[in-house]
Every structure is written in C-alpha cells, then in structure tokens.
PDB file of N, CA and C in Angstrom:
ATOM      1  N   MET A   1     -51.567 -10.441   2.118  1.00  0.00           N
ATOM      2  CA  MET A   1     -50.535 -10.469   3.141  1.00  0.00           C
ATOM      3  C   MET A   1     -49.169 -10.439   2.449  1.00  0.00           C
ATOM      4  N   PRO A   2     -48.258  -9.568   2.897  1.00  0.00           N
ATOM      5  CA  PRO A   2     -46.935  -9.483   2.262  1.00  0.00           C
ATOM      6  C   PRO A   2     -46.068 -10.713   2.559  1.00  0.00           C
ATOM      7  N   ARG A   3     -45.147 -10.988   1.677  1.00  0.00           N
ATOM      8  CA  ARG A   3     -44.192 -12.084   1.845  1.00  0.00           C
ATOM      9  C   ARG A   3     -43.346 -11.797   3.072  1.00  0.00           C
ATOM     10  N   GLN A   4     -42.963 -12.865   3.775  1.00  0.00           N
ATOM     11  CA  GLN A   4     -42.140 -12.762   4.982  1.00  0.00           C
ATOM     12  C   GLN A   4     -40.995 -13.763   4.875  1.00  0.00           C
ATOM     13  N   TYR A   5     -39.903 -13.499   5.605  1.00  0.00           N
ATOM     14  CA  TYR A   5     -38.775 -14.427   5.553  1.00  0.00           C
ATOM     15  C   TYR A   5     -37.990 -14.464   6.855  1.00  0.00           C
ATOM     16  N   ILE A   6     -37.208 -15.533   6.971  1.00  0.00           N
ATOM     17  CA  ILE A   6     -36.203 -15.677   8.021  1.00  0.00           C
ATOM     18  C   ILE A   6     -34.927 -16.096   7.311  1.00  0.00           C
ATOM     19  N   ASP A   7     -33.819 -15.455   7.635  1.00  0.00           N
ATOM     20  CA  ASP A   7     -32.548 -15.690   6.956  1.00  0.00           C
ATOM     21  C   ASP A   7     -31.511 -16.159   7.972  1.00  0.00           C
ATOM     22  N   CYS A   8     -31.090 -17.417   7.857  1.00  0.00           N
ATOM     23  CA  CYS A   8     -30.090 -17.964   8.788  1.00  0.00           C
ATOM     24  C   CYS A   8     -28.766 -17.212   8.731  1.00  0.00           C
ATOM     25  N   ARG A   9     -28.488 -16.558   7.609  1.00  0.00           N
ATOM     26  CA  ARG A   9     -27.236 -15.803   7.498  1.00  0.00           C
ATOM     27  C   ARG A   9     -27.173 -14.671   8.515  1.00  0.00           C
ATOM     28  N   GLU A  10     -28.300 -14.245   9.033  1.00  0.00           N
ATOM     29  CA  GLU A  10     -28.341 -13.159  10.003  1.00  0.00           C
ATOM     30  C   GLU A  10     -28.109 -13.634  11.433  1.00  0.00           C
ATOM     31  N   ILE A  11     -28.079 -14.941  11.626  1.00  0.00           N
ATOM     32  CA  ILE A  11     -27.940 -15.507  12.972  1.00  0.00           C
ATOM     33  C   ILE A  11     -26.547 -16.115  13.107  1.00  0.00           C
ATOM     34  N   PRO A  12     -25.719 -15.559  13.969  1.00  0.00           N
ATOM     35  CA  PRO A  12     -24.361 -16.092  14.104  1.00  0.00           C
ATOM     36  C   PRO A  12     -24.385 -17.563  14.521  1.00  0.00           C
ATOM     37  N   SER A  13     -23.582 -18.380  13.829  1.00  0.00           N
ATOM     38  CA  SER A  13     -23.496 -19.792  14.187  1.00  0.00           C
ATOM     39  C   SER A  13     -22.170 -20.352  13.686  1.00  0.00           C
ATOM     40  N   ASP A  14     -21.789 -21.488  14.256  1.00  0.00           N
ATOM     41  CA  ASP A  14     -20.566 -22.160  13.830  1.00  0.00           C
ATOM     42  C   ASP A  14     -20.712 -22.753  12.436  1.00  0.00           C
ATOM     43  N   THR A  15     -21.936 -23.084  12.046  1.00  0.00           N
ATOM     44  CA  THR A  15     -22.159 -23.745  10.759  1.00  0.00           C
ATOM     45  C   THR A  15     -22.166 -22.781   9.587  1.00  0.00           C
ATOM     46  N   LYS A  16     -22.281 -21.483   9.847  1.00  0.00           N
ATOM     47  CA  LYS A  16     -22.353 -20.477   8.783  1.00  0.00           C
ATOM     48  C   LYS A  16     -23.457 -20.819   7.776  1.00  0.00           C
ATOM     49  N   CYS A  17     -24.616 -21.178   8.290  1.00  0.00           N
ATOM     50  CA  CYS A  17     -25.762 -21.589   7.484  1.00  0.00           C
ATOM     51  C   CYS A  17     -26.168 -20.464   6.531  1.00  0.00           C
ATOM     52  N   THR A  18     -26.477 -20.830   5.287  1.00  0.00           N
ATOM     53  CA  THR A  18     -26.867 -19.845   4.280  1.00  0.00           C
ATOM     54  C   THR A  18     -28.317 -19.992   3.843  1.00  0.00           C
ATOM     55  N   VAL A  19     -29.117 -20.734   4.590  1.00  0.00           N
ATOM     56  CA  VAL A  19     -30.513 -20.961   4.222  1.00  0.00           C
ATOM     57  C   VAL A  19     -31.364 -19.737   4.561  1.00  0.00           C
ATOM     58  N   ALA A  20     -32.243 -19.395   3.628  1.00  0.00           N
ATOM     59  CA  ALA A  20     -33.267 -18.383   3.866  1.00  0.00           C
ATOM     60  C   ALA A  20     -34.602 -19.023   3.510  1.00  0.00           C
ATOM     61  N   ILE A  21     -35.600 -18.787   4.346  1.00  0.00           N
ATOM     62  CA  ILE A  21     -36.918 -19.396   4.154  1.00  0.00           C
ATOM     63  C   ILE A  21     -37.932 -18.265   4.040  1.00  0.00           C
ATOM     64  N   ALA A  22     -38.796 -18.348   3.026  1.00  0.00           N
ATOM     65  CA  ALA A  22     -39.826 -17.332   2.828  1.00  0.00           C
ATOM     66  C   ALA A  22     -41.180 -18.001   2.660  1.00  0.00           C
ATOM     67  N   ALA A  23     -42.230 -17.284   3.077  1.00  0.00           N
ATOM     68  CA  ALA A  23     -43.599 -17.789   2.946  1.00  0.00           C
ATOM     69  C   ALA A  23     -44.562 -16.614   2.977  1.00  0.00           C
ATOM     70  N   ASP A  24     -45.809 -16.893   2.578  1.00  0.00           N
ATOM     71  CA  ASP A  24     -46.839 -15.857   2.602  1.00  0.00           C
ATOM     72  C   ASP A  24     -47.560 -15.772   3.941  1.00  0.00           C
ATOM     73  N   SER A  25     -47.477 -16.843   4.756  1.00  0.00           N
ATOM     74  CA  SER A  25     -48.141 -16.795   6.061  1.00  0.00           C
ATOM     75  C   SER A  25     -47.115 -17.008   7.175  1.00  0.00           C
ATOM     76  N   GLU A  26     -47.352 -16.340   8.285  1.00  0.00           N
ATOM     77  CA  GLU A  26     -46.451 -16.465   9.429  1.00  0.00           C
ATOM     78  C   GLU A  26     -46.410 -17.902   9.944  1.00  0.00           C
ATOM     79  N   ARG A  27     -47.547 -18.544  10.007  1.00  0.00           N
ATOM     80  CA  ARG A  27     -47.587 -19.916  10.533  1.00  0.00           C
ATOM     81  C   ARG A  27     -46.753 -20.861   9.666  1.00  0.00           C
ATOM     82  N   GLU A  28     -46.916 -20.762   8.358  1.00  0.00           N
ATOM     83  CA  GLU A  28     -46.160 -21.607   7.441  1.00  0.00           C
ATOM     84  C   GLU A  28     -44.657 -21.331   7.566  1.00  0.00           C
ATOM     85  N   LEU A  29     -44.293 -20.073   7.680  1.00  0.00           N
ATOM     86  CA  LEU A  29     -42.895 -19.695   7.811  1.00  0.00           C
ATOM     87  C   LEU A  29     -42.298 -20.221   9.111  1.00  0.00           C
ATOM     88  N   VAL A  30     -42.993 -20.041  10.208  1.00  0.00           N
ATOM     89  CA  VAL A  30     -42.496 -20.512  11.501  1.00  0.00           C
ATOM     90  C   VAL A  30     -42.368 -22.034  11.498  1.00  0.00           C
ATOM     91  N   ASP A  31     -43.365 -22.728  10.970  1.00  0.00           N
ATOM     92  CA  ASP A  31     -43.288 -24.196  10.918  1.00  0.00           C
ATOM     93  C   ASP A  31     -42.065 -24.652  10.122  1.00  0.00           C
ATOM     94  N   ALA A  32     -41.836 -24.053   8.959  1.00  0.00           N
ATOM     95  CA  ALA A  32     -40.688 -24.440   8.127  1.00  0.00           C
ATOM     96  C   ALA A  32     -39.363 -24.084   8.800  1.00  0.00           C
ATOM     97  N   ALA A  33     -39.298 -22.918   9.410  1.00  0.00           N
ATOM     98  CA  ALA A  33     -38.058 -22.495  10.063  1.00  0.00           C
ATOM     99  C   ALA A  33     -37.746 -23.372  11.277  1.00  0.00           C
ATOM    100  N   VAL A  34     -38.764 -23.739  12.033  1.00  0.00           N
ATOM    101  CA  VAL A  34     -38.552 -24.621  13.183  1.00  0.00           C
ATOM    102  C   VAL A  34     -38.086 -25.997  12.713  1.00  0.00           C
ATOM    103  N   GLN A  35     -38.718 -26.519  11.670  1.00  0.00           N
ATOM    104  CA  GLN A  35     -38.274 -27.814  11.131  1.00  0.00           C
ATOM    105  C   GLN A  35     -36.808 -27.754  10.715  1.00  0.00           C
ATOM    106  N   HIS A  36     -36.411 -26.683  10.059  1.00  0.00           N
ATOM    107  CA  HIS A  36     -35.013 -26.505   9.661  1.00  0.00           C
ATOM    108  C   HIS A  36     -34.107 -26.429  10.890  1.00  0.00           C
ATOM    109  N   ALA A  37     -34.487 -25.615  11.855  1.00  0.00           N
ATOM    110  CA  ALA A  37     -33.650 -25.418  13.048  1.00  0.00           C
ATOM    111  C   ALA A  37     -33.474 -26.710  13.833  1.00  0.00           C
ATOM    112  N   VAL A  38     -34.516 -27.513  13.919  1.00  0.00           N
ATOM    113  CA  VAL A  38     -34.446 -28.787  14.643  1.00  0.00           C
ATOM    114  C   VAL A  38     -33.572 -29.775  13.868  1.00  0.00           C
ATOM    115  N   ALA A  39     -33.836 -29.926  12.571  1.00  0.00           N
ATOM    116  CA  ALA A  39     -33.132 -30.932  11.763  1.00  0.00           C
ATOM    117  C   ALA A  39     -31.665 -30.578  11.518  1.00  0.00           C
ATOM    118  N   VAL A  40     -31.380 -29.315  11.284  1.00  0.00           N
ATOM    119  CA  VAL A  40     -30.025 -28.920  10.892  1.00  0.00           C
ATOM    120  C   VAL A  40     -29.190 -28.399  12.056  1.00  0.00           C
ATOM    121  N   HIS A  41     -29.827 -27.649  12.941  1.00  0.00           N
ATOM    122  CA  HIS A  41     -29.078 -26.973  14.001  1.00  0.00           C
ATOM    123  C   HIS A  41     -29.239 -27.605  15.383  1.00  0.00           C
ATOM    124  N   GLY A  42     -30.075 -28.632  15.488  1.00  0.00           N
ATOM    125  CA  GLY A  42     -30.209 -29.355  16.748  1.00  0.00           C
ATOM    126  C   GLY A  42     -31.036 -28.677  17.818  1.00  0.00           C
ATOM    127  N   HIS A  43     -31.847 -27.677  17.444  1.00  0.00           N
ATOM    128  CA  HIS A  43     -32.704 -27.016  18.422  1.00  0.00           C
ATOM    129  C   HIS A  43     -33.869 -27.925  18.792  1.00  0.00           C
ATOM    130  N   THR A  44     -34.541 -27.580  19.873  1.00  0.00           N
ATOM    131  CA  THR A  44     -35.721 -28.307  20.313  1.00  0.00           C
ATOM    132  C   THR A  44     -36.949 -27.452  20.042  1.00  0.00           C
ATOM    133  N   ASP A  45     -37.988 -28.064  19.512  1.00  0.00           N
ATOM    134  CA  ASP A  45     -39.230 -27.356  19.199  1.00  0.00           C
ATOM    135  C   ASP A  45     -40.011 -27.142  20.490  1.00  0.00           C
ATOM    136  N   THR A  46     -39.957 -25.925  21.000  1.00  0.00           N
ATOM    137  CA  THR A  46     -40.699 -25.546  22.202  1.00  0.00           C
ATOM    138  C   THR A  46     -41.468 -24.257  21.915  1.00  0.00           C
ATOM    139  N   PRO A  47     -42.465 -23.949  22.717  1.00  0.00           N
ATOM    140  CA  PRO A  47     -43.169 -22.676  22.529  1.00  0.00           C
ATOM    141  C   PRO A  47     -42.232 -21.468  22.621  1.00  0.00           C
ATOM    142  N   GLU A  48     -41.266 -21.524  23.515  1.00  0.00           N
ATOM    143  CA  GLU A  48     -40.310 -20.417  23.662  1.00  0.00           C
ATOM    144  C   GLU A  48     -39.461 -20.268  22.407  1.00  0.00           C
ATOM    145  N   PHE A  49     -39.005 -21.405  21.850  1.00  0.00           N
ATOM    146  CA  PHE A  49     -38.196 -21.348  20.642  1.00  0.00           C
ATOM    147  C   PHE A  49     -39.019 -20.792  19.481  1.00  0.00           C
ATOM    148  N   ARG A  50     -40.284 -21.185  19.384  1.00  0.00           N
ATOM    149  CA  ARG A  50     -41.149 -20.656  18.328  1.00  0.00           C
ATOM    150  C   ARG A  50     -41.321 -19.139  18.465  1.00  0.00           C
ATOM    151  N   LYS A  51     -41.357 -18.628  19.693  1.00  0.00           N
ATOM    152  CA  LYS A  51     -41.424 -17.177  19.893  1.00  0.00           C
ATOM    153  C   LYS A  51     -40.155 -16.508  19.384  1.00  0.00           C
ATOM    154  N   GLN A  52     -38.998 -17.143  19.631  1.00  0.00           N
ATOM    155  CA  GLN A  52     -37.731 -16.600  19.126  1.00  0.00           C
ATOM    156  C   GLN A  52     -37.737 -16.567  17.601  1.00  0.00           C
ATOM    157  N   ILE A  53     -38.191 -17.646  16.998  1.00  0.00           N
ATOM    158  CA  ILE A  53     -38.265 -17.712  15.538  1.00  0.00           C
ATOM    159  C   ILE A  53     -39.194 -16.614  15.019  1.00  0.00           C
ATOM    160  N   THR A  54     -40.347 -16.474  15.647  1.00  0.00           N
ATOM    161  CA  THR A  54     -41.312 -15.456  15.222  1.00  0.00           C
ATOM    162  C   THR A  54     -40.701 -14.061  15.298  1.00  0.00           C
ATOM    163  N   SER A  55     -39.888 -13.813  16.308  1.00  0.00           N
ATOM    164  CA  SER A  55     -39.282 -12.484  16.453  1.00  0.00           C
ATOM    165  C   SER A  55     -38.227 -12.204  15.385  1.00  0.00           C
ATOM    166  N   ALA A  56     -37.752 -13.235  14.696  1.00  0.00           N
ATOM    167  CA  ALA A  56     -36.738 -13.064  13.649  1.00  0.00           C
ATOM    168  C   ALA A  56     -37.353 -12.824  12.269  1.00  0.00           C
ATOM    169  N   ILE A  57     -38.672 -12.859  12.166  1.00  0.00           N
ATOM    170  CA  ILE A  57     -39.340 -12.687  10.869  1.00  0.00           C
ATOM    171  C   ILE A  57     -39.183 -11.250  10.377  1.00  0.00           C
ATOM    172  N   LYS A  58     -38.899 -11.140   9.073  1.00  0.00           N
ATOM    173  CA  LYS A  58     -38.813  -9.835   8.422  1.00  0.00           C
ATOM    174  C   LYS A  58     -39.782  -9.821   7.250  1.00  0.00           C
ATOM    175  N   GLN A  59     -40.209  -8.637   6.885  1.00  0.00           N
ATOM    176  CA  GLN A  59     -41.126  -8.472   5.757  1.00  0.00           C
ATOM    177  C   GLN A  59     -40.353  -8.427   4.451  1.00  0.00           C
ATOM    178  N   GLY A  60     -40.948  -8.971   3.399  1.00  0.00           N
ATOM    179  CA  GLY A  60     -40.324  -8.937   2.086  1.00  0.00           C
ATOM    180  C   GLY A  60     -39.713 -10.282   1.743  1.00  0.00           C
ATOM    181  N   THR A  61     -38.657 -10.233   0.942  1.00  0.00           N
ATOM    182  CA  THR A  61     -37.946 -11.447   0.551  1.00  0.00           C
ATOM    183  C   THR A  61     -36.487 -11.306   0.957  1.00  0.00           C
ATOM    184  N   PRO A  62     -35.801 -12.429   1.182  1.00  0.00           N
ATOM    185  CA  PRO A  62     -34.406 -12.350   1.607  1.00  0.00           C
ATOM    186  C   PRO A  62     -33.543 -11.681   0.540  1.00  0.00           C
ATOM    187  N   PRO A  63     -32.563 -10.904   0.961  1.00  0.00           N
ATOM    188  CA  PRO A  63     -31.663 -10.292  -0.005  1.00  0.00           C
ATOM    189  C   PRO A  63     -30.785 -11.354  -0.669  1.00  0.00           C
ATOM    190  N   VAL A  64     -30.354 -11.085  -1.880  1.00  0.00           N
ATOM    191  CA  VAL A  64     -29.477 -12.011  -2.590  1.00  0.00           C
ATOM    192  C   VAL A  64     -28.122 -12.075  -1.891  1.00  0.00           C
ATOM    193  N   GLU A  65     -27.589 -10.940  -1.538  1.00  0.00           N
ATOM    194  CA  GLU A  65     -26.300 -10.871  -0.855  1.00  0.00           C
ATOM    195  C   GLU A  65     -26.480 -11.135   0.632  1.00  0.00           C
ATOM    196  N   ALA A  66     -25.506 -11.811   1.210  1.00  0.00           N
ATOM    197  CA  ALA A  66     -25.547 -12.084   2.653  1.00  0.00           C
ATOM    198  C   ALA A  66     -25.462 -10.768   3.416  1.00  0.00           C
ATOM    199  N   PRO A  67     -26.280 -10.619   4.447  1.00  0.00           N
ATOM    200  CA  PRO A  67     -26.190  -9.408   5.271  1.00  0.00           C
ATOM    201  C   PRO A  67     -24.855  -9.385   6.007  1.00  0.00           C
ATOM    202  N   THR A  68     -24.346  -8.192   6.252  1.00  0.00           N
ATOM    203  CA  THR A  68     -23.107  -8.078   7.019  1.00  0.00           C
ATOM    204  C   THR A  68     -23.421  -8.298   8.483  1.00  0.00           C
ATOM    205  N   GLN A  69     -22.444  -8.700   9.239  1.00  0.00           N
ATOM    206  CA  GLN A  69     -22.641  -8.926  10.672  1.00  0.00           C
ATOM    207  C   GLN A  69     -23.132  -7.655  11.352  1.00  0.00           C
ATOM    208  N   HIS A  70     -22.635  -6.495  10.929  1.00  0.00           N
ATOM    209  CA  HIS A  70     -23.068  -5.231  11.522  1.00  0.00           C
ATOM    210  C   HIS A  70     -24.555  -5.004  11.285  1.00  0.00           C
ATOM    211  N   ALA A  71     -25.014  -5.233  10.072  1.00  0.00           N
ATOM    212  CA  ALA A  71     -26.439  -5.045   9.761  1.00  0.00           C
ATOM    213  C   ALA A  71     -27.284  -6.057  10.515  1.00  0.00           C
ATOM    214  N   ALA A  72     -26.788  -7.284  10.651  1.00  0.00           N
ATOM    215  CA  ALA A  72     -27.538  -8.306  11.369  1.00  0.00           C
ATOM    216  C   ALA A  72     -27.646  -7.966  12.841  1.00  0.00           C
ATOM    217  N   ALA A  73     -26.589  -7.407  13.417  1.00  0.00           N
ATOM    218  CA  ALA A  73     -26.603  -7.047  14.831  1.00  0.00           C
ATOM    219  C   ALA A  73     -27.562  -5.886  15.090  1.00  0.00           C
ATOM    220  N   ALA A  74     -27.706  -5.002  14.105  1.00  0.00           N
ATOM    221  CA  ALA A  74     -28.589  -3.843  14.279  1.00  0.00           C
ATOM    222  C   ALA A  74     -30.047  -4.214  14.118  1.00  0.00           C
ATOM    223  N   SER A  75     -30.346  -5.376  13.559  1.00  0.00           N
ATOM    224  CA  SER A  75     -31.736  -5.770  13.304  1.00  0.00           C
ATOM    225  C   SER A  75     -32.460  -6.145  14.566  1.00  0.00           C
TER     226      SER A  75
END
C-alpha cells in the first residue's frame, strides 16, 4: 500500500498550522489526523468529520515546501 498523507498547510485556518501527517494505512492516518484536529484545532470527532478528513488524504508524502493557496484550492 502506498504512503498517504494529510497536510494542514493545505487547509486555510487562522492558526496557519504547518503539521503534515503521513502513514501507510488510511485508518492509522485518519485516527492520527482526527486526534490532531481535536487537540489542536478544537474539532469534534464525528463520523461526518472523519469523512471530511478521509477526503483530504493524498497519495505519497507531504512536500517539503508549503503548498501555495492556489494549488491547495485546486486540490
């Protein structure tokens, strides 16, 4: 299974979070991303929120450079 990631830099926020989370399994990635979102960003862990997190997953590893807002909007 290919590496997968979620990059907070791609999600507009007031905190300008720079965390990127990567894992080999979708379940592990979603669990870690939800824990981060709840603890740092104040989200609530719900089935709907987990679906949103799952939809933000990308294949590969996070880029070293922060994505531009234009590239993030096109994703």
